[in-house]
């Protein structure tokens, strides 16, 4: 059974999975939240040096904000999709379309105070670049699971699916305002395809980056219901 711990950085869930040498960290949370992250890490009785791998589900600033400093302080190896690389190098968030007018208004207000940038993340020779689904890497580092390419929220989104059905999906599904739809959607058909893939490969419980875990069956019922918004 995989050991799972969660650090909530503001409203982003960052997950720690036990691996051979220490921990795999899934996402890092917002920039300028380093002290909050370290404080919560200590509460879990985990030293920062125990983080050996950092997997970014996608390049958005609320997931990659601490990646630069954590990679420096932990000397961890990075795991990202290849489509994230040019955006990570620039430290920018390439945003899709808001789910509805309410979300659009919220992001407009946020944009008055936030440019959605983060310290650039430079890919190194020792890092792992995911090109599609990967069925070997996690097993090599002692985690019984696979990495699936799950675009739709963004073009570079990846998910971690464990053998027991726990799925860490970043933002391709949420328990937040528009559950289970992402509040930002790059391509709704790819969201649906990613949901289908997660179910096909055995997802039972969805662990979103925003909100609480929920039954994967919600994806099936929402998939059948469809969405009226024009994406």
Protein backbone atom coordinates (compact mmCIF):
# COMPACT_ATOMS: atom_id res chain seq x y z
CA UNK A 1 0.00 0.00 0.00
CA UNK A 2 1.41 3.37 -0.99
CA UNK A 3 1.90 5.87 1.83
CA UNK A 4 0.19 9.19 1.01
CA UNK A 5 0.60 12.52 2.74
CA UNK A 6 -0.88 15.88 1.73
CA UNK A 7 0.38 19.43 2.13
CA UNK A 8 -2.14 22.14 1.29
CA UNK A 9 -0.33 25.24 0.04
CA UNK A 10 -3.03 27.91 0.12
CA UNK A 11 -5.75 26.04 -1.82
CA UNK A 12 -3.50 23.68 -3.77
CA UNK A 13 -3.09 20.11 -2.56
CA UNK A 14 0.48 18.86 -2.90
CA UNK A 15 0.86 15.12 -2.36
CA UNK A 16 3.79 13.13 -1.03
CA UNK A 17 4.13 9.47 -2.00
CA UNK A 18 6.69 7.22 -0.32
CA UNK A 19 9.29 5.84 -2.71
CA UNK A 20 12.55 3.89 -2.41
CA UNK A 21 14.80 6.74 -1.37
CA UNK A 22 12.33 9.08 0.31
CA UNK A 23 9.33 10.84 -1.20
CA UNK A 24 7.88 11.85 -4.54
CA UNK A 25 6.24 15.28 -4.30
CA UNK A 26 3.33 15.88 -6.67
CA UNK A 27 3.08 19.65 -7.36
CA UNK A 28 4.59 22.41 -5.23
CA UNK A 29 1.92 25.08 -4.75
CA UNK A 30 2.05 28.84 -5.19
CA UNK A 31 5.16 31.03 -5.39
CA UNK A 32 6.07 32.95 -2.23
CA UNK A 33 4.63 30.19 -0.02
CA UNK A 34 7.93 28.51 0.84
CA UNK A 35 7.72 29.10 4.60
CA UNK A 36 4.18 27.71 4.66
CA UNK A 37 5.31 24.63 2.76
CA UNK A 38 8.28 23.97 5.07
CA UNK A 39 6.16 24.49 8.19
CA UNK A 40 3.59 21.94 7.02
CA UNK A 41 6.32 19.55 5.92
CA UNK A 42 7.77 19.62 9.43
CA UNK A 43 4.34 18.87 10.89
CA UNK A 44 4.41 15.68 8.86
CA UNK A 45 7.84 14.95 10.38
CA UNK A 46 9.46 14.94 6.94
CA UNK A 47 12.78 16.64 6.30
CA UNK A 48 13.08 18.53 3.03
CA UNK A 49 16.07 16.36 2.11
CA UNK A 50 13.72 13.36 1.91
CA UNK A 51 12.05 14.77 -1.21
CA UNK A 52 13.86 12.93 -4.00
CA UNK A 53 11.50 13.51 -6.92
CA UNK A 54 9.14 16.34 -7.87
CA UNK A 55 6.38 15.68 -10.40
CA UNK A 56 4.51 18.66 -11.82
CA UNK A 57 1.05 17.77 -13.09
CA UNK A 58 1.22 20.86 -15.33
CA UNK A 59 2.95 24.23 -15.64
CA UNK A 60 0.38 26.58 -14.00
CA UNK A 61 1.76 28.87 -11.30
CA UNK A 62 -0.28 27.38 -8.44
CA UNK A 63 1.38 24.02 -9.12
CA UNK A 64 4.92 25.08 -10.04
CA UNK A 65 5.42 28.17 -7.89
CA UNK A 66 7.91 26.58 -5.49
CA UNK A 67 9.51 24.20 -7.99
CA UNK A 68 12.60 26.31 -8.62
CA UNK A 69 13.56 26.75 -4.96
CA UNK A 70 12.60 23.20 -3.98
CA UNK A 71 14.70 21.70 -6.77
CA UNK A 72 17.63 23.75 -5.50
CA UNK A 73 17.16 22.91 -1.82
CA UNK A 74 16.28 19.23 -2.24
CA UNK A 75 18.39 18.35 -5.29
CA UNK A 76 15.39 16.30 -6.34
CA UNK A 77 14.86 15.07 -9.89
CA UNK A 78 12.02 16.67 -11.82
CA UNK A 79 9.29 14.78 -13.70
CA UNK A 80 7.30 16.79 -16.26
CA UNK A 81 5.59 16.41 -19.61
CA UNK A 82 7.60 17.63 -22.58
CA UNK A 83 4.94 20.20 -23.50
CA UNK A 84 5.52 21.95 -20.17
CA UNK A 85 9.20 22.64 -20.81
CA UNK A 86 9.02 25.88 -22.88
CA UNK A 87 6.47 27.37 -20.47
CA UNK A 88 8.43 26.36 -17.37
CA UNK A 89 11.55 27.99 -18.81
CA UNK A 90 9.66 31.29 -19.16
CA UNK A 91 7.87 30.99 -15.80
CA UNK A 92 4.47 31.73 -17.34
CA UNK A 93 0.96 30.29 -17.12
CA UNK A 94 -0.75 29.58 -20.43
CA UNK A 95 -4.41 29.72 -19.48
CA UNK A 96 -7.36 28.20 -21.31
CA UNK A 97 -10.95 29.38 -21.25
CA UNK A 98 -12.88 30.05 -18.04
CA UNK A 99 -15.70 27.58 -17.32
CA UNK A 100 -18.37 30.29 -17.09
CA UNK A 101 -18.85 34.05 -16.67
CA UNK A 102 -18.50 33.83 -12.88
CA UNK A 103 -15.08 32.20 -13.17
CA UNK A 104 -14.12 34.70 -15.86
CA UNK A 105 -14.95 37.57 -13.48
CA UNK A 106 -12.97 35.97 -10.66
CA UNK A 107 -9.89 35.63 -12.84
CA UNK A 108 -10.27 39.19 -14.11
CA UNK A 109 -10.19 40.45 -10.52
CA UNK A 110 -7.21 38.22 -9.71
CA UNK A 111 -5.35 39.54 -12.75
CA UNK A 112 -5.42 43.02 -11.23
CA UNK A 113 -3.11 41.77 -8.47
CA UNK A 114 -1.38 38.76 -9.99
CA UNK A 115 0.41 38.13 -13.27
CA UNK A 116 0.31 34.32 -12.75
CA UNK A 117 4.09 34.00 -13.17
CA UNK A 118 6.61 32.03 -11.13
CA UNK A 119 10.40 31.58 -10.95
CA UNK A 120 11.47 29.85 -14.18
CA UNK A 121 12.24 26.15 -14.01
CA UNK A 122 15.14 24.96 -16.14
CA UNK A 123 15.22 21.31 -17.17
CA UNK A 124 18.45 19.49 -16.31
CA UNK A 125 20.08 16.39 -17.73
CA UNK A 126 19.05 14.25 -14.75
CA UNK A 127 15.35 15.15 -15.00
CA UNK A 128 12.65 12.91 -16.49
CA UNK A 129 10.65 14.09 -19.50
CA UNK A 130 7.30 12.38 -20.11
CA UNK A 131 6.22 12.22 -23.75
CA UNK A 132 3.02 10.20 -23.38
CA UNK A 133 1.87 7.58 -20.86
CA UNK A 134 4.70 6.10 -18.80
CA UNK A 135 4.26 2.66 -17.22
CA UNK A 136 7.79 2.14 -15.88
CA UNK A 137 9.22 5.22 -14.16
CA UNK A 138 7.18 5.12 -10.97
CA UNK A 139 7.85 1.42 -10.48
CA UNK A 140 11.57 2.08 -10.90
CA UNK A 141 11.50 4.49 -7.97
CA UNK A 142 9.40 2.23 -5.77
CA UNK A 143 5.84 3.44 -6.39
CA UNK A 144 3.26 0.95 -7.63
CA UNK A 145 1.61 3.10 -10.25
CA UNK A 146 1.79 4.71 -13.68
CA UNK A 147 1.92 8.18 -15.18
CA UNK A 148 -0.85 8.99 -17.65
CA UNK A 149 -0.96 11.87 -20.11
CA UNK A 150 -4.27 13.59 -19.30
CA UNK A 151 -4.64 16.86 -21.23
CA UNK A 152 -7.74 19.02 -21.36
CA UNK A 153 -7.16 21.47 -18.54
CA UNK A 154 -3.81 22.20 -20.16
CA UNK A 155 -1.83 20.66 -23.01
CA UNK A 156 0.88 19.37 -20.65
CA UNK A 157 -1.25 17.78 -17.91
CA UNK A 158 -0.21 14.41 -16.48
CA UNK A 159 -1.72 12.28 -13.70
CA UNK A 160 -0.39 9.65 -11.31
CA UNK A 161 -2.55 6.54 -11.03
CA UNK A 162 -1.69 4.01 -8.32
CA UNK A 163 -2.46 0.31 -8.60
CA UNK A 164 -5.10 0.59 -5.86
CA UNK A 165 -7.08 3.12 -7.92
CA UNK A 166 -5.97 6.35 -6.29
CA UNK A 167 -5.53 9.00 -9.01
CA UNK A 168 -3.67 12.28 -8.50
CA UNK A 169 -4.98 14.31 -11.40
CA UNK A 170 -3.81 17.90 -10.94
CA UNK A 171 -6.60 20.05 -12.40
CA UNK A 172 -8.10 17.80 -15.07
CA UNK A 173 -10.82 17.18 -12.48
CA UNK A 174 -11.69 19.22 -9.37
CA UNK A 175 -13.83 19.34 -6.26
CA UNK A 176 -14.07 23.12 -6.49
CA UNK A 177 -16.98 25.32 -7.67
CA UNK A 178 -17.62 23.43 -10.92
CA UNK A 179 -17.04 19.85 -9.66
CA UNK A 180 -15.76 17.75 -11.34
CA UNK A 181 -15.02 20.08 -14.26
CA UNK A 182 -11.83 22.18 -14.24
CA UNK A 183 -12.57 25.88 -13.76
CA UNK A 184 -10.21 26.47 -16.69
CA UNK A 185 -10.52 24.29 -19.78
CA UNK A 186 -8.16 24.17 -22.74
CA UNK A 187 -10.16 21.52 -24.62
CA UNK A 188 -13.36 19.96 -23.25
CA UNK A 189 -13.11 16.91 -25.50
CA UNK A 190 -9.64 16.20 -24.17
CA UNK A 191 -10.97 16.59 -20.61
CA UNK A 192 -13.54 13.89 -21.40
CA UNK A 193 -10.91 11.69 -23.05
CA UNK A 194 -8.67 12.04 -20.01
CA UNK A 195 -11.52 11.10 -17.70
CA UNK A 196 -12.22 8.06 -19.87
CA UNK A 197 -8.55 7.08 -19.75
CA UNK A 198 -8.42 7.35 -15.97
CA UNK A 199 -11.49 5.12 -15.63
CA UNK A 200 -10.18 2.67 -18.24
CA UNK A 201 -6.93 2.23 -16.33
CA UNK A 202 -8.70 1.64 -13.04
CA UNK A 203 -9.12 4.97 -11.24
CA UNK A 204 -11.40 4.59 -8.22
CA UNK A 205 -10.73 7.68 -6.13
CA UNK A 206 -9.82 11.07 -7.57
CA UNK A 207 -7.35 13.20 -5.60
CA UNK A 208 -7.64 16.67 -7.15
CA UNK A 209 -5.23 19.51 -6.55
CA UNK A 210 -8.18 21.65 -5.49
CA UNK A 211 -10.80 20.23 -3.14
CA UNK A 212 -11.34 16.88 -1.45
CA UNK A 213 -10.96 13.37 -2.87
CA UNK A 214 -14.08 12.01 -4.56
CA UNK A 215 -15.35 8.82 -6.17
CA UNK A 216 -14.26 8.36 -9.77
CA UNK A 217 -17.83 7.42 -10.63
CA UNK A 218 -18.63 11.14 -10.61
CA UNK A 219 -16.52 11.44 -13.76
CA UNK A 220 -18.65 8.82 -15.46
CA UNK A 221 -21.96 10.46 -14.58
CA UNK A 222 -20.70 13.93 -15.53
CA UNK A 223 -19.28 12.56 -18.76
CA UNK A 224 -22.70 11.19 -19.70
CA UNK A 225 -24.43 14.42 -18.75
CA UNK A 226 -22.18 16.53 -20.94
CA UNK A 227 -21.67 20.26 -20.72
CA UNK A 228 -23.55 23.07 -22.39
CA UNK A 229 -20.75 25.63 -22.35
CA UNK A 230 -19.08 26.29 -25.71
CA UNK A 231 -15.43 25.34 -25.50
